């Protein structure tokens, strides 16, 4: 048996390349291990404005859970959130985006 794999297009890089002034690009990073460090690398390499980092090895915030423990990673630093309902994480992300747009 032979399994052939094809590399996917880098959608985020395409969006960043084509973005207009004032556009904010947010990436999402699901990672096992040091999600914040990987998100920082992603932020720099892809020239993003913000990365939402999620350590999926955390049993309280794994896929399928109603809760999440994420970090917002930007050029301003890392903001680690406690374990929250996913709806609250979404609310805080919208709040963070509104703050960026107000700059």
N, C-alpha and C. Protein backbone atom coordinates (compact mmCIF):
# COMPACT_ATOMS: atom_id res chain seq x y z
N UNK A 1 0.85 -1.17 0.00
CA UNK A 1 0.00 0.00 0.00
C UNK A 1 0.89 1.24 0.00
N UNK A 2 0.54 2.19 -0.83
CA UNK A 2 1.27 3.45 -0.91
C UNK A 2 0.30 4.59 -0.62
N UNK A 3 0.70 5.44 0.27
CA UNK A 3 -0.11 6.61 0.61
C UNK A 3 0.59 7.84 0.04
N UNK A 4 -0.07 8.50 -0.87
CA UNK A 4 0.50 9.71 -1.47
C UNK A 4 -0.17 10.92 -0.85
N UNK A 5 0.64 11.85 -0.44
CA UNK A 5 0.11 13.06 0.20
C UNK A 5 0.42 14.27 -0.66
N UNK A 6 -0.46 15.24 -0.58
CA UNK A 6 -0.30 16.49 -1.31
C UNK A 6 -0.32 17.64 -0.32
N UNK A 7 0.63 18.54 -0.47
CA UNK A 7 0.68 19.70 0.42
C UNK A 7 -0.46 20.66 0.09
N UNK A 8 -1.15 21.10 1.15
CA UNK A 8 -2.24 22.07 0.98
C UNK A 8 -1.68 23.46 0.72
N UNK A 9 -2.48 24.28 0.05
CA UNK A 9 -2.10 25.68 -0.16
C UNK A 9 -2.09 26.40 1.19
N UNK A 10 -1.22 27.37 1.34
CA UNK A 10 -1.14 28.15 2.57
C UNK A 10 -2.16 29.29 2.48
N UNK A 11 -3.35 29.03 2.97
CA UNK A 11 -4.46 29.98 2.86
C UNK A 11 -4.14 31.28 3.59
N UNK A 12 -3.61 31.19 4.80
CA UNK A 12 -3.30 32.41 5.56
C UNK A 12 -2.28 33.29 4.83
N UNK A 13 -1.27 32.67 4.29
CA UNK A 13 -0.25 33.45 3.57
C UNK A 13 -0.88 34.16 2.37
N UNK A 14 -1.80 33.50 1.69
CA UNK A 14 -2.51 34.11 0.55
C UNK A 14 -3.34 35.31 1.01
N UNK A 15 -4.01 35.16 2.14
CA UNK A 15 -4.84 36.25 2.67
C UNK A 15 -3.97 37.44 3.06
N UNK A 16 -2.86 37.17 3.75
CA UNK A 16 -1.96 38.25 4.18
C UNK A 16 -1.39 38.97 2.97
N UNK A 17 -1.00 38.23 1.96
CA UNK A 17 -0.41 38.83 0.75
C UNK A 17 -1.40 39.75 0.05
N UNK A 18 -2.68 39.38 0.05
CA UNK A 18 -3.70 40.14 -0.68
C UNK A 18 -4.45 41.16 0.17
N UNK A 19 -4.12 41.24 1.45
CA UNK A 19 -4.93 42.10 2.32
C UNK A 19 -4.76 43.58 2.00
N UNK A 20 -5.84 44.29 2.26
CA UNK A 20 -5.85 45.75 2.08
C UNK A 20 -5.44 46.42 3.39
N UNK A 21 -5.00 47.67 3.33
CA UNK A 21 -4.64 48.39 4.56
C UNK A 21 -5.83 48.41 5.54
N UNK A 22 -5.52 48.19 6.81
CA UNK A 22 -6.54 48.19 7.84
C UNK A 22 -7.15 46.83 8.11
N UNK A 23 -6.84 45.86 7.25
CA UNK A 23 -7.36 44.50 7.45
C UNK A 23 -6.58 43.82 8.57
N UNK A 24 -7.29 43.16 9.46
CA UNK A 24 -6.67 42.42 10.55
C UNK A 24 -6.82 40.93 10.25
N UNK A 25 -5.70 40.21 10.28
CA UNK A 25 -5.72 38.78 9.97
C UNK A 25 -5.41 38.01 11.25
N UNK A 26 -6.31 37.10 11.61
CA UNK A 26 -6.20 36.29 12.82
C UNK A 26 -6.03 34.83 12.42
N UNK A 27 -5.04 34.17 13.01
CA UNK A 27 -4.83 32.75 12.79
C UNK A 27 -5.22 31.97 14.03
N UNK A 28 -5.49 30.70 13.85
CA UNK A 28 -5.83 29.82 14.95
C UNK A 28 -4.85 28.66 14.94
N UNK A 29 -4.28 28.34 16.11
CA UNK A 29 -3.26 27.30 16.21
C UNK A 29 -3.66 26.28 17.26
N UNK A 30 -4.02 25.09 16.82
CA UNK A 30 -4.28 23.98 17.73
C UNK A 30 -2.98 23.19 17.82
N UNK A 31 -2.49 22.98 19.03
CA UNK A 31 -1.17 22.41 19.20
C UNK A 31 -1.14 21.54 20.46
N UNK A 32 -0.29 20.54 20.46
CA UNK A 32 -0.02 19.80 21.69
C UNK A 32 1.35 20.27 22.16
N UNK A 33 1.46 20.62 23.40
CA UNK A 33 2.72 21.14 23.90
C UNK A 33 2.64 22.63 24.13
N UNK A 34 3.68 23.34 23.76
CA UNK A 34 3.76 24.78 24.01
C UNK A 34 3.05 25.55 22.89
N UNK A 35 1.73 25.65 23.00
CA UNK A 35 0.92 26.28 21.96
C UNK A 35 1.27 27.75 21.78
N UNK A 36 1.57 28.45 22.86
CA UNK A 36 1.89 29.88 22.77
C UNK A 36 3.18 30.11 21.98
N UNK A 37 4.19 29.28 22.20
CA UNK A 37 5.45 29.42 21.47
C UNK A 37 5.24 29.15 19.98
N UNK A 38 4.48 28.12 19.67
CA UNK A 38 4.19 27.80 18.27
C UNK A 38 3.36 28.91 17.62
N UNK A 39 2.44 29.49 18.39
CA UNK A 39 1.62 30.59 17.88
C UNK A 39 2.48 31.82 17.60
N UNK A 40 3.47 32.07 18.46
CA UNK A 40 4.39 33.19 18.24
C UNK A 40 5.19 33.01 16.95
N UNK A 41 5.62 31.78 16.71
CA UNK A 41 6.34 31.48 15.47
C UNK A 41 5.42 31.71 14.27
N UNK A 42 4.19 31.24 14.37
CA UNK A 42 3.21 31.42 13.29
C UNK A 42 2.93 32.90 13.04
N UNK A 43 2.80 33.67 14.12
CA UNK A 43 2.55 35.11 14.04
C UNK A 43 3.64 35.79 13.21
N UNK A 44 4.90 35.47 13.53
CA UNK A 44 6.03 36.10 12.84
C UNK A 44 6.17 35.61 11.40
N UNK A 45 6.13 34.30 11.21
CA UNK A 45 6.37 33.74 9.88
C UNK A 45 5.29 34.12 8.87
N UNK A 46 4.05 34.17 9.32
CA UNK A 46 2.95 34.45 8.40
C UNK A 46 2.53 35.92 8.41
N UNK A 47 3.19 36.71 9.29
CA UNK A 47 2.90 38.15 9.39
C UNK A 47 1.43 38.41 9.74
N UNK A 48 0.98 37.72 10.78
CA UNK A 48 -0.40 37.86 11.25
C UNK A 48 -0.49 38.96 12.30
N UNK A 49 -1.71 39.38 12.58
CA UNK A 49 -1.94 40.38 13.62
C UNK A 49 -2.20 39.74 14.98
N UNK A 50 -2.78 38.55 14.96
CA UNK A 50 -3.14 37.86 16.19
C UNK A 50 -3.26 36.38 15.90
N UNK A 51 -2.85 35.56 16.87
CA UNK A 51 -3.05 34.11 16.78
C UNK A 51 -3.74 33.67 18.06
N UNK A 52 -4.79 32.88 17.91
CA UNK A 52 -5.47 32.27 19.05
C UNK A 52 -4.87 30.87 19.19
N UNK A 53 -4.13 30.66 20.29
CA UNK A 53 -3.43 29.40 20.51
C UNK A 53 -4.22 28.52 21.47
N UNK A 54 -4.38 27.27 21.09
CA UNK A 54 -5.16 26.32 21.87
C UNK A 54 -4.33 25.06 22.06
N UNK A 55 -4.03 24.72 23.32
CA UNK A 55 -3.32 23.48 23.62
C UNK A 55 -4.34 22.36 23.69
N UNK A 56 -4.45 21.59 22.61
CA UNK A 56 -5.48 20.54 22.54
C UNK A 56 -5.14 19.32 23.39
N UNK A 57 -3.95 19.29 23.99
CA UNK A 57 -3.61 18.21 24.91
C UNK A 57 -4.24 18.44 26.28
N UNK A 58 -4.69 19.67 26.55
CA UNK A 58 -5.35 20.01 27.81
C UNK A 58 -6.73 19.34 27.81
N UNK A 59 -6.98 18.40 28.73
CA UNK A 59 -8.26 17.68 28.71
C UNK A 59 -9.48 18.57 28.90
N UNK A 60 -9.31 19.74 29.51
CA UNK A 60 -10.44 20.64 29.71
C UNK A 60 -10.81 21.43 28.48
N UNK A 61 -9.93 21.40 27.47
CA UNK A 61 -10.20 22.23 26.30
C UNK A 61 -9.95 21.50 24.99
N UNK A 62 -10.12 20.22 25.01
CA UNK A 62 -9.89 19.43 23.79
C UNK A 62 -11.04 19.60 22.81
N UNK A 63 -10.84 19.12 21.59
CA UNK A 63 -11.91 19.15 20.60
C UNK A 63 -13.13 18.43 21.15
N UNK A 64 -14.31 18.98 20.92
CA UNK A 64 -15.54 18.37 21.40
C UNK A 64 -15.97 18.87 22.77
N UNK A 65 -15.11 19.62 23.45
CA UNK A 65 -15.43 20.16 24.76
C UNK A 65 -16.21 21.47 24.60
N UNK A 66 -17.01 21.80 25.61
CA UNK A 66 -17.74 23.07 25.60
C UNK A 66 -16.88 24.22 26.12
N UNK A 67 -15.70 23.88 26.62
CA UNK A 67 -14.80 24.88 27.20
C UNK A 67 -13.50 24.94 26.42
N UNK A 68 -12.76 26.01 26.67
CA UNK A 68 -11.48 26.18 25.99
C UNK A 68 -10.55 27.00 26.87
N UNK A 69 -9.27 26.68 26.78
CA UNK A 69 -8.23 27.47 27.45
C UNK A 69 -7.28 27.91 26.33
N UNK A 70 -7.34 29.18 25.99
CA UNK A 70 -6.56 29.69 24.87
C UNK A 70 -5.66 30.83 25.31
N UNK A 71 -4.75 31.18 24.43
CA UNK A 71 -3.92 32.37 24.62
C UNK A 71 -4.05 33.21 23.36
N UNK A 72 -4.15 34.52 23.55
CA UNK A 72 -4.11 35.45 22.43
C UNK A 72 -2.66 35.90 22.30
N UNK A 73 -2.07 35.62 21.15
CA UNK A 73 -0.66 35.94 20.92
C UNK A 73 -0.58 37.01 19.83
N UNK A 74 0.06 38.13 20.17
CA UNK A 74 0.21 39.23 19.21
C UNK A 74 1.58 39.87 19.42
N UNK A 75 1.86 40.90 18.63
CA UNK A 75 3.12 41.63 18.80
C UNK A 75 3.18 42.29 20.18
N UNK A 76 2.02 42.49 20.81
CA UNK A 76 1.96 43.08 22.15
C UNK A 76 2.31 42.08 23.25
N UNK A 77 2.34 40.79 22.93
CA UNK A 77 2.66 39.77 23.92
C UNK A 77 1.63 38.65 23.93
N UNK A 78 1.63 37.90 25.03
CA UNK A 78 0.74 36.74 25.19
C UNK A 78 -0.25 37.03 26.30
N UNK A 79 -1.53 36.88 26.00
CA UNK A 79 -2.58 37.00 27.01
C UNK A 79 -3.20 35.62 27.21
N UNK A 80 -2.83 34.96 28.31
CA UNK A 80 -3.34 33.62 28.60
C UNK A 80 -4.69 33.73 29.28
N UNK A 81 -5.71 33.11 28.72
CA UNK A 81 -7.03 33.12 29.32
C UNK A 81 -7.21 31.88 30.18
N UNK A 82 -8.02 31.96 31.22
CA UNK A 82 -8.33 30.77 32.01
C UNK A 82 -9.29 29.87 31.23
N UNK A 83 -9.60 28.72 31.79
CA UNK A 83 -10.58 27.83 31.17
C UNK A 83 -11.93 28.54 31.16
N UNK A 84 -12.49 28.71 29.96
CA UNK A 84 -13.75 29.44 29.78
C UNK A 84 -14.67 28.68 28.84
N UNK A 85 -15.95 29.00 28.91
CA UNK A 85 -16.89 28.48 27.91
C UNK A 85 -16.45 29.02 26.55
N UNK A 86 -16.62 28.21 25.52
CA UNK A 86 -16.20 28.64 24.18
C UNK A 86 -16.92 29.92 23.76
N UNK A 87 -18.15 30.10 24.20
CA UNK A 87 -18.88 31.33 23.88
C UNK A 87 -18.20 32.55 24.51
N UNK A 88 -17.63 32.38 25.70
CA UNK A 88 -16.91 33.48 26.36
C UNK A 88 -15.57 33.75 25.66
N UNK A 89 -14.91 32.70 25.21
CA UNK A 89 -13.68 32.89 24.43
C UNK A 89 -13.99 33.69 23.17
N UNK A 90 -15.09 33.35 22.50
CA UNK A 90 -15.50 34.08 21.29
C UNK A 90 -15.80 35.54 21.61
N UNK A 91 -16.49 35.79 22.71
CA UNK A 91 -16.80 37.17 23.11
C UNK A 91 -15.52 37.96 23.34
N UNK A 92 -14.57 37.35 24.02
CA UNK A 92 -13.30 38.05 24.31
C UNK A 92 -12.48 38.28 23.03
N UNK A 93 -12.59 37.36 22.10
CA UNK A 93 -11.90 37.55 20.82
C UNK A 93 -12.50 38.73 20.06
N UNK A 94 -13.82 38.83 20.04
CA UNK A 94 -14.48 39.96 19.38
C UNK A 94 -14.09 41.26 20.08
N UNK A 95 -14.01 41.24 21.41
CA UNK A 95 -13.59 42.42 22.17
C UNK A 95 -12.16 42.83 21.79
N UNK A 96 -11.28 41.85 21.69
CA UNK A 96 -9.88 42.10 21.32
C UNK A 96 -9.81 42.69 19.90
N UNK A 97 -10.61 42.15 19.00
CA UNK A 97 -10.66 42.65 17.63
C UNK A 97 -11.17 44.09 17.59
N UNK A 98 -12.19 44.39 18.38
CA UNK A 98 -12.74 45.75 18.44
C UNK A 98 -11.68 46.73 18.95
N UNK A 99 -10.89 46.32 19.94
CA UNK A 99 -9.80 47.17 20.44
C UNK A 99 -8.78 47.45 19.35
N UNK A 100 -8.44 46.43 18.56
CA UNK A 100 -7.47 46.61 17.47
C UNK A 100 -8.01 47.56 16.41
N UNK A 101 -9.29 47.43 16.09
CA UNK A 101 -9.90 48.28 15.06
C UNK A 101 -10.00 49.73 15.51
N UNK A 102 -10.07 49.95 16.84
CA UNK A 102 -10.19 51.31 17.38
C UNK A 102 -8.85 52.05 17.39
N UNK A 103 -7.77 51.37 17.14
CA UNK A 103 -6.43 52.00 17.18
C UNK A 103 -6.27 53.00 16.07
